[in-house]
Amino acid sequence: MARDFRRGDKRLPPLSLFSQSSLTDIVLLLLIFFLLTSSFVTNFGIRVEVPKAESSARTAEQFISVAVTKE
């Protein structure tokens, strides 16, 4: 035999309510965090100083292929 522990027809209010403001705060904090950390990402690459031309005469265009190996 099951007992009915409800108090009459009255329903108890929920113990906690979902708050949209706390969710908004968390989203804004995450957005600020990702914006700040993305500015610290470094661009990987090699800086190369290109030599200056001695004359302004145009030369024929040449294609050069460069291969980089471990050796």
PDB file of N, CA and C in Angstrom:
ATOM      1  N   MET A   1       0.831  -1.173   0.000  1.00  0.00           N
ATOM      2  CA  MET A   1       0.000   0.000   0.000  1.00  0.00           C
ATOM      3  C   MET A   1       0.880   1.242   0.000  1.00  0.00           C
ATOM      4  N   ALA A   2       0.648   2.063  -0.975  1.00  0.00           N
ATOM      5  CA  ALA A   2       1.437   3.283  -1.105  1.00  0.00           C
ATOM      6  C   ALA A   2       0.754   4.420  -0.366  1.00  0.00           C
ATOM      7  N   ARG A   3       1.564   5.223   0.272  1.00  0.00           N
ATOM      8  CA  ARG A   3       1.035   6.383   0.984  1.00  0.00           C
ATOM      9  C   ARG A   3       1.142   7.615   0.108  1.00  0.00           C
ATOM     10  N   ASP A   4       0.221   8.495   0.259  1.00  0.00           N
ATOM     11  CA  ASP A   4       0.246   9.765  -0.456  1.00  0.00           C
ATOM     12  C   ASP A   4       0.727  10.829   0.523  1.00  0.00           C
ATOM     13  N   PHE A   5       1.969  11.311   0.318  1.00  0.00           N
ATOM     14  CA  PHE A   5       2.574  12.265   1.251  1.00  0.00           C
ATOM     15  C   PHE A   5       2.301  13.723   0.877  1.00  0.00           C
ATOM     16  N   ARG A   6       1.501  13.971  -0.133  1.00  0.00           N
ATOM     17  CA  ARG A   6       1.190  15.347  -0.510  1.00  0.00           C
ATOM     18  C   ARG A   6       0.286  15.985   0.536  1.00  0.00           C
ATOM     19  N   ARG A   7       0.449  17.269   0.685  1.00  0.00           N
ATOM     20  CA  ARG A   7      -0.366  17.998   1.666  1.00  0.00           C
ATOM     21  C   ARG A   7      -1.636  18.496   0.983  1.00  0.00           C
ATOM     22  N   GLY A   8      -2.600  17.731   0.964  1.00  0.00           N
ATOM     23  CA  GLY A   8      -3.851  18.136   0.346  1.00  0.00           C
ATOM     24  C   GLY A   8      -3.663  18.300  -1.157  1.00  0.00           C
ATOM     25  N   ASP A   9      -4.258  19.320  -1.720  1.00  0.00           N
ATOM     26  CA  ASP A   9      -4.136  19.605  -3.145  1.00  0.00           C
ATOM     27  C   ASP A   9      -3.053  20.630  -3.428  1.00  0.00           C
ATOM     28  N   LYS A  10      -2.414  21.145  -2.394  1.00  0.00           N
ATOM     29  CA  LYS A  10      -1.394  22.179  -2.579  1.00  0.00           C
ATOM     30  C   LYS A  10      -0.101  21.549  -3.072  1.00  0.00           C
ATOM     31  N   ARG A  11       0.475  22.153  -4.072  1.00  0.00           N
ATOM     32  CA  ARG A  11       1.771  21.681  -4.554  1.00  0.00           C
ATOM     33  C   ARG A  11       2.857  22.547  -3.949  1.00  0.00           C
ATOM     34  N   LEU A  12       3.969  21.934  -3.631  1.00  0.00           N
ATOM     35  CA  LEU A  12       5.086  22.679  -3.058  1.00  0.00           C
ATOM     36  C   LEU A  12       5.816  23.439  -4.163  1.00  0.00           C
ATOM     37  N   PRO A  13       6.251  24.660  -3.888  1.00  0.00           N
ATOM     38  CA  PRO A  13       7.011  25.408  -4.902  1.00  0.00           C
ATOM     39  C   PRO A  13       8.380  24.747  -5.100  1.00  0.00           C
ATOM     40  N   PRO A  14       8.949  24.891  -6.287  1.00  0.00           N
ATOM     41  CA  PRO A  14      10.274  24.302  -6.514  1.00  0.00           C
ATOM     42  C   PRO A  14      11.310  24.936  -5.586  1.00  0.00           C
ATOM     43  N   LEU A  15      12.303  24.143  -5.215  1.00  0.00           N
ATOM     44  CA  LEU A  15      13.314  24.634  -4.281  1.00  0.00           C
ATOM     45  C   LEU A  15      14.197  25.709  -4.907  1.00  0.00           C
ATOM     46  N   SER A  16      14.460  25.589  -6.194  1.00  0.00           N
ATOM     47  CA  SER A  16      15.285  26.606  -6.850  1.00  0.00           C
ATOM     48  C   SER A  16      14.713  26.898  -8.228  1.00  0.00           C
ATOM     49  N   LEU A  17      14.870  28.105  -8.653  1.00  0.00           N
ATOM     50  CA  LEU A  17      14.413  28.511  -9.973  1.00  0.00           C
ATOM     51  C   LEU A  17      15.614  28.739 -10.865  1.00  0.00           C
ATOM     52  N   PHE A  18      15.452  28.468 -12.133  1.00  0.00           N
ATOM     53  CA  PHE A  18      16.529  28.675 -13.090  1.00  0.00           C
ATOM     54  C   PHE A  18      16.652  30.169 -13.362  1.00  0.00           C
ATOM     55  N   SER A  19      17.833  30.695 -13.180  1.00  0.00           N
ATOM     56  CA  SER A  19      18.048  32.127 -13.350  1.00  0.00           C
ATOM     57  C   SER A  19      18.771  32.395 -14.669  1.00  0.00           C
ATOM     58  N   GLN A  20      18.171  33.194 -15.520  1.00  0.00           N
ATOM     59  CA  GLN A  20      18.790  33.541 -16.798  1.00  0.00           C
ATOM     60  C   GLN A  20      19.963  34.489 -16.606  1.00  0.00           C
ATOM     61  N   SER A  21      19.934  35.275 -15.548  1.00  0.00           N
ATOM     62  CA  SER A  21      21.003  36.259 -15.351  1.00  0.00           C
ATOM     63  C   SER A  21      22.336  35.580 -15.056  1.00  0.00           C
ATOM     64  N   SER A  22      22.327  34.479 -14.321  1.00  0.00           N
ATOM     65  CA  SER A  22      23.590  33.790 -14.049  1.00  0.00           C
ATOM     66  C   SER A  22      24.137  33.154 -15.320  1.00  0.00           C
ATOM     67  N   LEU A  23      23.259  32.644 -16.176  1.00  0.00           N
ATOM     68  CA  LEU A  23      23.708  32.078 -17.443  1.00  0.00           C
ATOM     69  C   LEU A  23      24.307  33.166 -18.327  1.00  0.00           C
ATOM     70  N   THR A  24      23.710  34.332 -18.336  1.00  0.00           N
ATOM     71  CA  THR A  24      24.233  35.456 -19.110  1.00  0.00           C
ATOM     72  C   THR A  24      25.598  35.881 -18.586  1.00  0.00           C
ATOM     73  N   ASP A  25      25.772  35.906 -17.285  1.00  0.00           N
ATOM     74  CA  ASP A  25      27.072  36.254 -16.695  1.00  0.00           C
ATOM     75  C   ASP A  25      28.149  35.270 -17.115  1.00  0.00           C
ATOM     76  N   ILE A  26      27.832  33.999 -17.091  1.00  0.00           N
ATOM     77  CA  ILE A  26      28.809  32.975 -17.469  1.00  0.00           C
ATOM     78  C   ILE A  26      29.185  33.108 -18.935  1.00  0.00           C
ATOM     79  N   VAL A  27      28.209  33.340 -19.799  1.00  0.00           N
ATOM     80  CA  VAL A  27      28.487  33.490 -21.232  1.00  0.00           C
ATOM     81  C   VAL A  27      29.361  34.712 -21.476  1.00  0.00           C
ATOM     82  N   LEU A  28      29.085  35.813 -20.815  1.00  0.00           N
ATOM     83  CA  LEU A  28      29.897  37.016 -20.997  1.00  0.00           C
ATOM     84  C   LEU A  28      31.316  36.821 -20.474  1.00  0.00           C
ATOM     85  N   LEU A  29      31.469  36.130 -19.348  1.00  0.00           N
ATOM     86  CA  LEU A  29      32.810  35.852 -18.831  1.00  0.00           C
ATOM     87  C   LEU A  29      33.598  34.960 -19.782  1.00  0.00           C
ATOM     88  N   LEU A  30      32.946  33.956 -20.355  1.00  0.00           N
ATOM     89  CA  LEU A  30      33.627  33.099 -21.330  1.00  0.00           C
ATOM     90  C   LEU A  30      34.013  33.884 -22.577  1.00  0.00           C
ATOM     91  N   LEU A  31      33.144  34.765 -23.020  1.00  0.00           N
ATOM     92  CA  LEU A  31      33.449  35.586 -24.188  1.00  0.00           C
ATOM     93  C   LEU A  31      34.655  36.474 -23.928  1.00  0.00           C
ATOM     94  N   ILE A  32      34.699  37.122 -22.782  1.00  0.00           N
ATOM     95  CA  ILE A  32      35.843  37.971 -22.423  1.00  0.00           C
ATOM     96  C   ILE A  32      37.109  37.137 -22.318  1.00  0.00           C
ATOM     97  N   PHE A  33      37.019  35.952 -21.718  1.00  0.00           N
ATOM     98  CA  PHE A  33      38.187  35.077 -21.586  1.00  0.00           C
ATOM     99  C   PHE A  33      38.746  34.701 -22.953  1.00  0.00           C
ATOM    100  N   PHE A  34      37.880  34.281 -23.877  1.00  0.00           N
ATOM    101  CA  PHE A  34      38.360  33.868 -25.195  1.00  0.00           C
ATOM    102  C   PHE A  34      38.883  35.050 -26.004  1.00  0.00           C
ATOM    103  N   LEU A  35      38.297  36.219 -25.832  1.00  0.00           N
ATOM    104  CA  LEU A  35      38.817  37.395 -26.536  1.00  0.00           C
ATOM    105  C   LEU A  35      40.201  37.769 -26.029  1.00  0.00           C
ATOM    106  N   LEU A  36      40.412  37.687 -24.732  1.00  0.00           N
ATOM    107  CA  LEU A  36      41.721  38.030 -24.173  1.00  0.00           C
ATOM    108  C   LEU A  36      42.777  36.992 -24.516  1.00  0.00           C
ATOM    109  N   THR A  37      42.428  35.719 -24.457  1.00  0.00           N
ATOM    110  CA  THR A  37      43.427  34.683 -24.738  1.00  0.00           C
ATOM    111  C   THR A  37      43.736  34.574 -26.216  1.00  0.00           C
ATOM    112  N   SER A  38      42.819  34.962 -27.085  1.00  0.00           N
ATOM    113  CA  SER A  38      43.101  34.875 -28.517  1.00  0.00           C
ATOM    114  C   SER A  38      44.124  35.924 -28.942  1.00  0.00           C
ATOM    115  N   SER A  39      44.269  37.001 -28.186  1.00  0.00           N
ATOM    116  CA  SER A  39      45.252  38.021 -28.550  1.00  0.00           C
ATOM    117  C   SER A  39      46.669  37.579 -28.211  1.00  0.00           C
ATOM    118  N   PHE A  40      46.828  36.543 -27.391  1.00  0.00           N
ATOM    119  CA  PHE A  40      48.151  36.054 -27.031  1.00  0.00           C
ATOM    120  C   PHE A  40      48.655  34.958 -27.962  1.00  0.00           C
ATOM    121  N   VAL A  41      47.868  34.573 -28.946  1.00  0.00           N
ATOM    122  CA  VAL A  41      48.287  33.544 -29.893  1.00  0.00           C
ATOM    123  C   VAL A  41      49.338  34.149 -30.811  1.00  0.00           C
ATOM    124  N   THR A  42      50.481  33.480 -30.911  1.00  0.00           N
ATOM    125  CA  THR A  42      51.558  34.003 -31.745  1.00  0.00           C
ATOM    126  C   THR A  42      51.465  33.419 -33.143  1.00  0.00           C
ATOM    127  N   ASN A  43      51.842  34.208 -34.103  1.00  0.00           N
ATOM    128  CA  ASN A  43      51.896  33.737 -35.479  1.00  0.00           C
ATOM    129  C   ASN A  43      53.241  33.086 -35.703  1.00  0.00           C
ATOM    130  N   PHE A  44      53.210  31.843 -36.138  1.00  0.00           N
ATOM    131  CA  PHE A  44      54.447  31.132 -36.384  1.00  0.00           C
ATOM    132  C   PHE A  44      54.929  31.431 -37.793  1.00  0.00           C
ATOM    133  N   GLY A  45      56.210  31.602 -37.941  1.00  0.00           N
ATOM    134  CA  GLY A  45      56.783  31.870 -39.246  1.00  0.00           C
ATOM    135  C   GLY A  45      58.205  32.355 -39.099  1.00  0.00           C
ATOM    136  N   ILE A  46      58.814  32.615 -40.206  1.00  0.00           N
ATOM    137  CA  ILE A  46      60.195  33.087 -40.230  1.00  0.00           C
ATOM    138  C   ILE A  46      60.201  34.464 -40.880  1.00  0.00           C
ATOM    139  N   ARG A  47      60.863  35.397 -40.239  1.00  0.00           N
ATOM    140  CA  ARG A  47      61.000  36.729 -40.837  1.00  0.00           C
ATOM    141  C   ARG A  47      62.189  36.705 -41.795  1.00  0.00           C
ATOM    142  N   VAL A  48      61.941  37.164 -42.984  1.00  0.00           N
ATOM    143  CA  VAL A  48      62.981  37.183 -44.015  1.00  0.00           C
ATOM    144  C   VAL A  48      63.137  38.611 -44.499  1.00  0.00           C
ATOM    145  N   GLU A  49      64.377  39.070 -44.533  1.00  0.00           N
ATOM    146  CA  GLU A  49      64.637  40.393 -45.089  1.00  0.00           C
ATOM    147  C   GLU A  49      64.912  40.239 -46.581  1.00  0.00           C
ATOM    148  N   VAL A  50      64.073  40.847 -47.368  1.00  0.00           N
ATOM    149  CA  VAL A  50      64.196  40.753 -48.818  1.00  0.00           C
ATOM    150  C   VAL A  50      65.219  41.782 -49.277  1.00  0.00           C
ATOM    151  N   PRO A  51      66.163  41.369 -50.127  1.00  0.00           N
ATOM    152  CA  PRO A  51      67.163  42.328 -50.601  1.00  0.00           C
ATOM    153  C   PRO A  51      66.530  43.377 -51.510  1.00  0.00           C
ATOM    154  N   LYS A  52      67.103  44.564 -51.483  1.00  0.00           N
ATOM    155  CA  LYS A  52      66.618  45.666 -52.318  1.00  0.00           C
ATOM    156  C   LYS A  52      67.185  45.521 -53.729  1.00  0.00           C
ATOM    157  N   ALA A  53      66.426  45.970 -54.693  1.00  0.00           N
ATOM    158  CA  ALA A  53      66.873  45.903 -56.085  1.00  0.00           C
ATOM    159  C   ALA A  53      67.900  46.998 -56.347  1.00  0.00           C
ATOM    160  N   GLU A  54      68.938  46.654 -57.117  1.00  0.00           N
ATOM    161  CA  GLU A  54      69.959  47.646 -57.463  1.00  0.00           C
ATOM    162  C   GLU A  54      69.518  48.512 -58.630  1.00  0.00           C
ATOM    163  N   SER A  55      68.720  47.951 -59.511  1.00  0.00           N
ATOM    164  CA  SER A  55      68.232  48.740 -60.646  1.00  0.00           C
ATOM    165  C   SER A  55      66.718  48.584 -60.730  1.00  0.00           C
ATOM    166  N   SER A  56      66.120  49.503 -61.442  1.00  0.00           N
ATOM    167  CA  SER A  56      64.670  49.452 -61.552  1.00  0.00           C
ATOM    168  C   SER A  56      64.210  48.698 -62.792  1.00  0.00           C
ATOM    169  N   ALA A  57      65.142  48.108 -63.541  1.00  0.00           N
ATOM    170  CA  ALA A  57      64.774  47.360 -64.746  1.00  0.00           C
ATOM    171  C   ALA A  57      64.098  46.048 -64.337  1.00  0.00           C
ATOM    172  N   ARG A  58      63.015  45.730 -65.024  1.00  0.00           N
ATOM    173  CA  ARG A  58      62.300  44.490 -64.717  1.00  0.00           C
ATOM    174  C   ARG A  58      62.970  43.328 -65.439  1.00  0.00           C
ATOM    175  N   THR A  59      63.045  42.218 -64.773  1.00  0.00           N
ATOM    176  CA  THR A  59      63.626  41.019 -65.365  1.00  0.00           C
ATOM    177  C   THR A  59      62.520  40.000 -65.601  1.00  0.00           C
ATOM    178  N   ALA A  60      62.875  38.959 -66.321  1.00  0.00           N
ATOM    179  CA  ALA A  60      61.898  37.906 -66.603  1.00  0.00           C
ATOM    180  C   ALA A  60      61.533  37.196 -65.293  1.00  0.00           C
ATOM    181  N   GLU A  61      60.286  36.849 -65.187  1.00  0.00           N
ATOM    182  CA  GLU A  61      59.818  36.210 -63.968  1.00  0.00           C
ATOM    183  C   GLU A  61      60.296  34.766 -63.938  1.00  0.00           C
ATOM    184  N   GLN A  62      60.831  34.334 -62.810  1.00  0.00           N
ATOM    185  CA  GLN A  62      61.314  32.964 -62.667  1.00  0.00           C
ATOM    186  C   GLN A  62      60.598  32.312 -61.491  1.00  0.00           C
ATOM    187  N   PHE A  63      60.389  31.024 -61.632  1.00  0.00           N
ATOM    188  CA  PHE A  63      59.779  30.271 -60.544  1.00  0.00           C
ATOM    189  C   PHE A  63      60.863  29.468 -59.843  1.00  0.00           C
ATOM    190  N   ILE A  64      60.912  29.587 -58.553  1.00  0.00           N
ATOM    191  CA  ILE A  64      61.911  28.889 -57.757  1.00  0.00           C
ATOM    192  C   ILE A  64      61.167  28.018 -56.751  1.00  0.00           C
ATOM    193  N   SER A  65      61.572  26.755 -56.679  1.00  0.00           N
ATOM    194  CA  SER A  65      60.969  25.881 -55.668  1.00  0.00           C
ATOM    195  C   SER A  65      62.005  25.605 -54.589  1.00  0.00           C
ATOM    196  N   VAL A  66      61.569  25.665 -53.359  1.00  0.00           N
ATOM    197  CA  VAL A  66      62.455  25.460 -52.222  1.00  0.00           C
ATOM    198  C   VAL A  66      61.926  24.265 -51.434  1.00  0.00           C
ATOM    199  N   ALA A  67      62.816  23.317 -51.147  1.00  0.00           N
ATOM    200  CA  ALA A  67      62.436  22.154 -50.351  1.00  0.00           C
ATOM    201  C   ALA A  67      63.195  22.197 -49.032  1.00  0.00           C
ATOM    202  N   VAL A  68      62.488  22.012 -47.937  1.00  0.00           N
ATOM    203  CA  VAL A  68      63.108  22.013 -46.617  1.00  0.00           C
ATOM    204  C   VAL A  68      62.994  20.600 -46.052  1.00  0.00           C
ATOM    205  N   THR A  69      64.147  20.019 -45.722  1.00  0.00           N
ATOM    206  CA  THR A  69      64.165  18.670 -45.155  1.00  0.00           C
ATOM    207  C   THR A  69      64.842  18.694 -43.798  1.00  0.00           C
ATOM    208  N   LYS A  70      64.826  17.565 -43.115  1.00  0.00           N
ATOM    209  CA  LYS A  70      65.461  17.467 -41.803  1.00  0.00           C
ATOM    210  C   LYS A  70      66.974  17.515 -41.894  1.00  0.00           C
ATOM    211  N   GLU A  71      67.520  17.041 -42.959  1.00  0.00           N
ATOM    212  CA  GLU A  71      68.977  16.903 -43.098  1.00  0.00           C
ATOM    213  C   GLU A  71      69.679  18.209 -43.258  1.00  0.00           C
TER     214      GLU A  71
END
